[in-house]
Amino acid sequence: MAAPVTQIIYLQIGIDKDLTDAKSDAGKTWREALDILQSHEGFQRLYWGRSPEDMTKVQLHVVRNHLSQHQSLQSSPQYTSFQSLLQSLIIPTTQPLTRHALLEENTPNCCSLGKGAPVTGTAIYVGTDAAWHEGAWPLWTHIVRYVDGCLGCAGGKLLEPVDGYQNCFLVYVGWETIEKHEAYHHTEHFRQRYIILRSGNKGFREYGHLFNIVDNIFLDIWQYYHLGELIYFAAQTLNKLSILVLMVRVFPRFQRVVYGAITLIIAYGTAFFFITLLQCWPINRAWLTLELHMGIICTSLPAIRALFVSLGAKLLGSSKSSNSKPSKFSTHGESELKSGGAKNQQAPRRRYGGDFIPLEDVDSGRGIKKTSLKE
């Protein structure tokens, strides 16, 4: 399956325009612009952030299934409206820059790419070759993932040239804080391994950081869903406890049994409550990392049919030829009804005259002569 394509829109927006405030004019305009991006075909998710080095610099990432879907939006009237909205936000002397990249997560539980990392370090490595793609970058992601403060690595090939270089690679590494990222650059561990990042490329460009802000349409829904899960487990536990407390008074002879059940219910409910609460760490990853297009896994039923058949035969049993009995009725009309045969057959009653035969006569089989093929 081809990797999704991320469209990266570089903007410069004044720090006086708070894009996160949905009640401000800038926030409303920004929301309207994002709605246009989300409504087009192939949309998966979007996220954006400002650069701490220069807070006027904004990166907006839009993920779609295919490059053609980004291109079709750019040639549509909706994109003209999107550009008009941006013009009211960006610094007048600047213009948006758009790139596309095949970004993929390169470490387990990656929190970069707007999936929970508070800050992300980014750079573009230019003039990359096979030594970078097959050796240097995979090795570096294996090393840096264990560094204190690192929250995962992601990267991918840029489809547009940078500074005249055709083969460029864009990387995003999540960190807990900028201070931890910068402190790692001054460690002996980094100095001994920095040579890896210089292999298979001709340098890097646009090094910096991003404060990640997820702005997905489903974010609030998943937050409330996570809260609902916690309320569900708490309510179920309290309901069971209330019934057991009542049983303590109603059945005093079984108090020890009921107290034992209460202990089990409390342990069970508490365990599941905290397992659900702490299923991801940090906790907000429970709703930041969920993607609907990956959330459904369908089992291949034809592939496991043989398993179901074998289990079903063992559990439910099967018929054997020795136990099989012939049908009471011939499929060719040669045998007669067991109850009386032809001698007991009666002509259909014709109380109503003419050729009318009551349905009850047809259903009961009376008056219907069985005709053998031999006749």
Protein backbone atom coordinates (compact mmCIF):
# COMPACT_ATOMS: atom_id res chain seq x y z
CA MET A 1 0.00 0.00 0.00
CA ALA A 2 1.41 3.40 -1.00
CA ALA A 3 2.30 5.80 1.78
CA PRO A 4 -0.02 8.80 2.24
CA VAL A 5 1.18 12.14 0.93
CA THR A 6 1.60 15.07 3.30
CA GLN A 7 1.18 18.57 1.93
CA ILE A 8 3.27 21.07 3.90
CA ILE A 9 2.23 24.72 3.65
CA TYR A 10 4.78 27.20 5.01
CA LEU A 11 3.23 30.47 6.18
CA GLN A 12 4.28 33.62 8.01
CA ILE A 13 1.53 34.90 10.29
CA GLY A 14 1.95 37.67 12.83
CA ILE A 15 2.12 36.64 16.47
CA ASP A 16 -0.65 39.12 17.24
CA LYS A 17 -3.08 36.80 15.43
CA ASP A 18 -4.02 34.02 17.82
CA LEU A 19 -5.04 31.13 15.58
CA THR A 20 -6.01 28.94 18.53
CA ASP A 21 -8.68 31.37 19.77
CA ALA A 22 -11.86 30.30 17.97
CA LYS A 23 -13.64 33.47 19.12
CA SER A 24 -11.18 35.91 17.57
CA ASP A 25 -11.40 37.08 13.96
CA ALA A 26 -8.09 35.39 13.13
CA GLY A 27 -9.22 32.16 14.77
CA LYS A 28 -12.50 32.13 12.86
CA THR A 29 -10.73 32.77 9.56
CA TRP A 30 -8.18 30.05 10.30
CA ARG A 31 -10.93 27.58 11.16
CA GLU A 32 -12.76 28.40 7.94
CA ALA A 33 -9.57 27.81 5.95
CA LEU A 34 -8.98 24.46 7.66
CA ASP A 35 -12.57 23.41 6.95
CA ILE A 36 -11.91 23.81 3.23
CA LEU A 37 -8.89 21.51 3.46
CA GLN A 38 -10.78 18.91 5.48
CA SER A 39 -13.78 18.80 3.14
CA HIS A 40 -11.84 17.68 0.05
CA GLU A 41 -11.53 14.04 -1.01
CA GLY A 42 -8.84 11.80 0.44
CA PHE A 43 -8.46 13.77 3.66
CA GLN A 44 -6.94 11.84 6.56
CA ARG A 45 -5.78 14.38 9.13
CA LEU A 46 -4.10 17.74 9.61
CA TYR A 47 -1.94 19.39 12.23
CA TRP A 48 0.04 22.58 12.44
CA GLY A 49 2.39 24.55 14.65
CA ARG A 50 4.52 27.64 15.09
CA SER A 51 8.30 27.76 15.23
CA PRO A 52 9.72 28.74 18.64
CA GLU A 53 12.76 30.25 16.90
CA ASP A 54 10.47 32.57 14.90
CA MET A 55 6.86 32.56 16.09
CA THR A 56 5.68 34.15 12.85
CA LYS A 57 6.58 30.96 10.95
CA VAL A 58 3.75 28.45 10.72
CA GLN A 59 3.76 24.97 9.19
CA LEU A 60 0.44 23.44 8.19
CA HIS A 61 0.47 19.71 7.39
CA VAL A 62 -2.42 18.10 5.48
CA VAL A 63 -2.37 14.33 4.93
CA ARG A 64 -4.25 12.73 2.02
CA ASN A 65 -4.25 9.32 0.38
CA HIS A 66 -2.66 10.37 -2.92
CA LEU A 67 -0.76 13.27 -4.45
CA SER A 68 -3.43 13.67 -7.14
CA GLN A 69 -5.95 14.59 -4.44
CA HIS A 70 -3.77 17.48 -3.29
CA GLN A 71 -3.37 18.58 -6.89
CA SER A 72 -7.09 18.40 -7.62
CA LEU A 73 -7.79 20.66 -4.64
CA GLN A 74 -5.17 23.16 -5.79
CA SER A 75 -6.89 23.42 -9.18
CA SER A 76 -10.39 23.79 -7.72
CA PRO A 77 -12.37 26.95 -6.88
CA GLN A 78 -12.27 25.95 -3.20
CA TYR A 79 -8.52 26.43 -3.14
CA THR A 80 -8.96 29.98 -4.44
CA SER A 81 -11.19 30.64 -1.44
CA PHE A 82 -8.58 29.03 0.81
CA GLN A 83 -5.87 31.33 -0.57
CA SER A 84 -8.09 34.37 -0.08
CA LEU A 85 -8.57 33.47 3.57
CA LEU A 86 -4.82 33.03 4.03
CA GLN A 87 -4.11 36.44 2.51
CA SER A 88 -6.01 38.05 5.37
CA LEU A 89 -3.82 36.22 7.89
CA ILE A 90 -0.27 36.16 6.53
CA ILE A 91 2.21 39.01 6.64
CA PRO A 92 1.55 41.07 3.48
CA THR A 93 5.15 40.95 2.24
CA THR A 94 5.28 37.14 2.30
CA GLN A 95 3.85 34.34 0.16
CA PRO A 96 2.90 30.78 1.13
CA LEU A 97 5.25 27.96 0.09
CA THR A 98 3.89 24.47 -0.57
CA ARG A 99 5.78 21.17 -0.57
CA HIS A 100 4.80 17.51 -0.57
CA ALA A 101 6.48 14.66 1.27
CA LEU A 102 6.03 10.92 1.76
CA LEU A 103 6.28 11.07 5.54
CA GLU A 104 6.30 7.84 7.54
CA GLU A 105 6.84 6.98 11.18
CA ASN A 106 10.24 5.32 11.63
CA THR A 107 10.06 4.32 15.30
CA PRO A 108 7.44 2.53 17.41
CA ASN A 109 4.95 4.72 19.28
CA CYS A 110 6.10 7.79 17.37
CA CYS A 111 4.71 11.02 18.83
CA SER A 112 5.99 13.41 16.19
CA LEU A 113 3.84 14.50 13.22
CA GLY A 114 1.31 16.07 15.55
CA LYS A 115 0.74 12.94 17.64
CA GLY A 116 1.50 14.14 21.12
CA ALA A 117 5.08 15.45 21.18
CA PRO A 118 5.08 18.98 22.67
CA VAL A 119 7.88 20.04 20.35
CA THR A 120 9.36 18.58 17.17
CA GLY A 121 12.82 19.08 15.73
CA THR A 122 12.93 19.28 11.94
CA ALA A 123 15.50 19.52 9.15
CA ILE A 124 15.81 18.82 5.42
CA TYR A 125 18.75 16.68 4.29
CA VAL A 126 19.64 17.46 0.68
CA GLY A 127 21.30 15.35 -1.99
CA THR A 128 20.50 12.09 -0.24
CA ASP A 129 21.41 8.73 -1.78
CA ALA A 130 21.03 5.02 -1.00
CA ALA A 131 23.56 5.24 1.82
CA TRP A 132 21.23 7.63 3.61
CA HIS A 133 17.94 5.89 2.89
CA GLU A 134 19.14 2.34 3.55
CA GLY A 135 21.84 2.91 6.15
CA ALA A 136 22.31 6.24 7.88
CA TRP A 137 18.73 7.27 8.63
CA PRO A 138 17.45 3.81 9.74
CA LEU A 139 20.52 3.47 11.99
CA TRP A 140 20.04 6.94 13.46
CA THR A 141 16.37 6.34 14.25
CA HIS A 142 17.38 3.17 16.10
CA ILE A 143 19.93 5.11 18.17
CA VAL A 144 18.10 8.33 18.99
CA ARG A 145 14.84 6.67 20.03
CA TYR A 146 16.51 5.65 23.32
CA VAL A 147 17.83 9.12 24.12
CA ASP A 148 16.27 10.82 27.13
CA GLY A 149 13.44 13.08 25.98
CA CYS A 150 13.07 11.66 22.48
CA LEU A 151 9.48 10.85 21.51
CA GLY A 152 9.94 9.20 18.14
CA CYS A 153 11.25 9.80 14.63
CA ALA A 154 9.49 10.29 11.31
CA GLY A 155 10.68 11.26 7.87
CA GLY A 156 10.22 10.88 4.15
CA LYS A 157 11.26 11.93 0.69
CA LEU A 158 10.37 15.43 -0.49
CA LEU A 159 8.79 15.54 -3.95
CA GLU A 160 10.05 19.06 -4.69
CA PRO A 161 13.70 20.16 -4.97
CA VAL A 162 15.36 22.25 -2.27
CA ASP A 163 18.20 24.63 -3.17
CA GLY A 164 18.59 22.87 -6.51
CA TYR A 165 18.86 19.37 -5.01
CA GLN A 166 16.34 16.85 -6.33
CA ASN A 167 16.79 14.12 -3.74
CA CYS A 168 15.84 15.62 -0.39
CA PHE A 169 14.66 14.01 2.83
CA LEU A 170 12.52 15.76 5.44
CA VAL A 171 12.77 14.58 9.08
CA TYR A 172 10.71 15.27 12.19
CA VAL A 173 11.87 14.09 15.63
CA GLY A 174 9.58 14.54 18.63
CA TRP A 175 11.00 15.81 21.94
CA GLU A 176 9.67 16.51 25.39
CA THR A 177 11.34 19.94 25.44
CA ILE A 178 13.66 21.99 23.26
CA GLU A 179 16.14 22.06 26.14
CA LYS A 180 16.48 18.26 26.11
CA HIS A 181 17.01 18.27 22.36
CA GLU A 182 19.68 20.95 22.48
CA ALA A 183 21.34 19.38 25.53
CA TYR A 184 21.73 16.10 23.65
CA HIS A 185 23.76 17.88 20.95
CA HIS A 186 26.41 18.65 23.58
CA THR A 187 26.76 15.12 24.92
CA GLU A 188 29.57 12.67 24.22
CA HIS A 189 26.98 10.22 22.96
CA PHE A 190 26.01 12.61 20.15
CA ARG A 191 29.60 13.57 19.25
CA GLN A 192 30.57 9.93 18.81
CA ARG A 193 27.63 9.22 16.51
CA TYR A 194 27.13 12.49 14.64
CA ILE A 195 29.08 11.08 11.70
CA ILE A 196 26.03 8.95 10.89
CA LEU A 197 23.96 12.03 10.06
CA ARG A 198 26.68 13.24 7.67
CA SER A 199 26.62 10.04 5.63
CA GLY A 200 24.71 9.73 2.37
CA ASN A 201 23.79 13.42 2.03
CA LYS A 202 25.23 16.83 1.19
CA GLY A 203 24.20 18.68 4.30
CA PHE A 204 20.97 19.88 5.85
CA ARG A 205 18.75 22.93 5.53
CA GLU A 206 16.01 24.65 7.53
CA TYR A 207 16.88 23.20 10.94
CA GLY A 208 14.46 24.26 13.66
CA HIS A 209 11.58 23.27 15.90
CA LEU A 210 7.79 23.32 15.90
CA PHE A 211 5.31 23.65 18.71
CA ASN A 212 2.79 21.03 17.63
CA ILE A 213 -0.89 21.87 17.59
CA VAL A 214 -3.31 19.16 16.49
CA ASP A 215 -6.31 20.66 14.76
CA ASN A 216 -8.21 17.59 13.68
CA ILE A 217 -11.98 17.64 13.30
CA PHE A 218 -12.29 14.46 15.39
CA LEU A 219 -10.09 15.54 18.31
CA ASP A 220 -12.86 16.71 20.66
CA ILE A 221 -14.95 13.61 19.86
CA TRP A 222 -12.17 11.24 20.92
CA GLN A 223 -11.49 13.20 24.09
CA TYR A 224 -15.12 12.85 25.16
CA TYR A 225 -15.09 9.19 24.10
CA HIS A 226 -12.09 8.54 26.34
CA LEU A 227 -13.86 10.27 29.23
CA GLY A 228 -16.99 8.22 28.53
CA GLU A 229 -15.01 4.99 28.83
CA LEU A 230 -13.85 5.99 32.30
CA ILE A 231 -17.36 6.95 33.39
CA TYR A 232 -18.68 3.63 32.06
CA PHE A 233 -16.30 1.51 34.14
CA ALA A 234 -16.89 3.64 37.24
CA ALA A 235 -20.68 3.45 36.85
CA GLN A 236 -20.67 -0.31 36.28
CA THR A 237 -18.59 -0.87 39.39
CA LEU A 238 -20.82 1.34 41.55
CA ASN A 239 -23.97 -0.37 40.27
CA LYS A 240 -22.64 -3.80 41.20
CA LEU A 241 -21.49 -2.59 44.60
CA SER A 242 -24.89 -1.07 45.38
CA ILE A 243 -26.58 -4.42 44.67
CA LEU A 244 -24.09 -6.31 46.82
CA VAL A 245 -24.46 -3.86 49.71
CA LEU A 246 -28.20 -4.47 49.60
CA MET A 247 -27.61 -8.23 49.66
CA VAL A 248 -25.55 -7.88 52.84
CA ARG A 249 -28.65 -6.65 54.65
CA VAL A 250 -31.12 -8.98 52.98
CA PHE A 251 -29.07 -12.16 53.36
CA PRO A 252 -27.09 -11.88 56.61
CA ARG A 253 -26.22 -15.60 56.50
CA PHE A 254 -24.14 -15.06 53.35
CA GLN A 255 -22.28 -11.94 54.44
CA ARG A 256 -18.85 -13.51 54.01
CA VAL A 257 -19.62 -14.56 50.46
CA VAL A 258 -21.02 -11.14 49.63
CA TYR A 259 -18.02 -9.37 51.18
CA GLY A 260 -15.76 -11.55 49.06
CA ALA A 261 -17.72 -10.59 45.96
CA ILE A 262 -17.46 -6.91 46.93
CA THR A 263 -13.69 -7.25 47.22
CA LEU A 264 -13.47 -8.83 43.77
CA ILE A 265 -15.72 -6.17 42.21
CA ILE A 266 -13.66 -3.34 43.71
CA ALA A 267 -10.40 -4.89 42.51
CA TYR A 268 -11.84 -5.61 39.05
CA GLY A 269 -13.39 -2.15 38.62
CA THR A 270 -10.32 -0.30 39.89
CA ALA A 271 -7.99 -2.30 37.65
CA PHE A 272 -10.02 -1.69 34.50
CA PHE A 273 -10.51 1.99 35.33
CA PHE A 274 -6.78 2.66 35.59
CA ILE A 275 -5.93 0.38 32.66
CA THR A 276 -8.27 2.47 30.52
CA LEU A 277 -7.02 5.75 31.96
CA LEU A 278 -3.34 4.88 31.48
CA GLN A 279 -3.63 2.91 28.24
CA CYS A 280 -1.33 5.51 26.66
CA TRP A 281 1.41 7.65 28.15
CA PRO A 282 1.24 10.57 28.08
CA ILE A 283 -2.51 10.15 28.52
CA ASN A 284 -3.42 12.48 25.64
CA ARG A 285 -1.95 10.00 23.17
CA ALA A 286 -5.15 7.98 23.63
CA TRP A 287 -6.93 10.51 21.39
CA LEU A 288 -4.01 12.10 19.54
CA THR A 289 -2.73 8.91 17.89
CA LEU A 290 -6.03 7.41 16.76
CA GLU A 291 -6.56 7.52 12.99
CA LEU A 292 -9.81 6.24 11.59
CA HIS A 293 -8.38 4.88 8.36
CA MET A 294 -6.13 2.60 10.46
CA GLY A 295 -8.56 1.92 13.26
CA ILE A 296 -10.47 -0.90 11.57
CA ILE A 297 -8.77 -4.25 11.05
CA CYS A 298 -10.83 -6.77 9.08
CA THR A 299 -10.12 -10.46 9.47
CA SER A 300 -9.88 -12.44 6.24
CA LEU A 301 -12.80 -14.82 6.68
CA PRO A 302 -11.87 -17.12 3.76
CA ALA A 303 -8.42 -17.57 5.26
CA ILE A 304 -9.76 -18.72 8.64
CA ARG A 305 -12.74 -20.69 7.30
CA ALA A 306 -10.88 -23.99 7.69
CA LEU A 307 -10.22 -23.18 11.35
CA PHE A 308 -13.88 -22.45 12.03
CA VAL A 309 -14.97 -25.62 10.22
CA SER A 310 -12.59 -27.82 12.22
CA LEU A 311 -13.55 -26.22 15.54
CA GLY A 312 -17.24 -26.39 14.73
CA ALA A 313 -17.07 -30.07 13.89
CA LYS A 314 -15.34 -30.85 17.17
CA LEU A 315 -17.67 -28.78 19.34
CA LEU A 316 -20.99 -29.50 17.66
CA GLY A 317 -20.38 -32.97 16.28
CA SER A 318 -21.05 -34.22 12.77
CA SER A 319 -23.30 -36.72 11.02
CA LYS A 320 -22.00 -40.11 9.93
CA SER A 321 -23.18 -42.29 7.08
CA SER A 322 -24.02 -45.14 9.47
CA ASN A 323 -26.44 -42.91 11.35
CA SER A 324 -28.08 -41.47 8.29
CA LYS A 325 -31.70 -42.44 7.64
CA PRO A 326 -33.57 -42.25 4.37
CA SER A 327 -36.25 -39.64 3.95
CA LYS A 328 -39.81 -40.59 4.62
CA PHE A 329 -40.80 -39.30 1.23
CA SER A 330 -39.40 -40.18 -2.15
CA THR A 331 -37.93 -37.39 -4.13
CA HIS A 332 -39.32 -38.91 -7.32
CA GLY A 333 -42.91 -39.41 -6.17
CA GLU A 334 -42.60 -43.24 -6.08
CA SER A 335 -43.42 -43.77 -2.39
CA GLU A 336 -46.77 -43.15 -0.87
CA LEU A 337 -47.69 -41.39 2.30
CA LYS A 338 -46.87 -43.50 5.32
CA SER A 339 -50.22 -42.96 6.98
CA GLY A 340 -52.53 -45.21 5.04
CA GLY A 341 -51.18 -45.12 1.50
CA ALA A 342 -53.49 -44.97 -1.49
CA LYS A 343 -56.26 -46.93 0.23
CA ASN A 344 -56.85 -44.22 2.78
CA GLN A 345 -56.79 -41.36 0.29
CA GLN A 346 -60.04 -39.47 -0.09
CA ALA A 347 -61.29 -37.27 -2.85
CA PRO A 348 -61.10 -33.59 -2.10
CA ARG A 349 -64.23 -32.12 -0.67
CA ARG A 350 -66.08 -29.86 -3.02
CA ARG A 351 -68.58 -28.21 -0.74
CA TYR A 352 -68.44 -24.99 -2.71
CA GLY A 353 -69.10 -26.49 -6.12
CA GLY A 354 -67.15 -26.16 -9.33
CA ASP A 355 -63.40 -26.75 -9.40
CA PHE A 356 -62.66 -24.89 -6.18
CA ILE A 357 -60.54 -26.86 -3.71
CA PRO A 358 -60.21 -25.43 -0.18
CA LEU A 359 -56.69 -24.62 0.89
CA GLU A 360 -57.06 -26.84 3.93
CA ASP A 361 -57.42 -29.84 1.65
CA VAL A 362 -54.28 -28.96 -0.24
CA ASP A 363 -52.30 -28.37 2.94
CA SER A 364 -53.37 -31.61 4.53
CA GLY A 365 -52.57 -33.59 1.44
CA ARG A 366 -56.00 -35.21 1.34
CA GLY A 367 -57.45 -36.00 -2.02
CA ILE A 368 -54.14 -35.64 -3.84
CA LYS A 369 -53.21 -38.77 -5.64
CA LYS A 370 -49.56 -39.75 -5.77
CA THR A 371 -48.60 -40.73 -9.27
CA SER A 372 -45.68 -43.07 -9.79
CA LEU A 373 -43.37 -42.72 -12.72
CA LYS A 374 -44.13 -46.35 -13.51
CA GLU A 375 -47.74 -45.46 -14.16
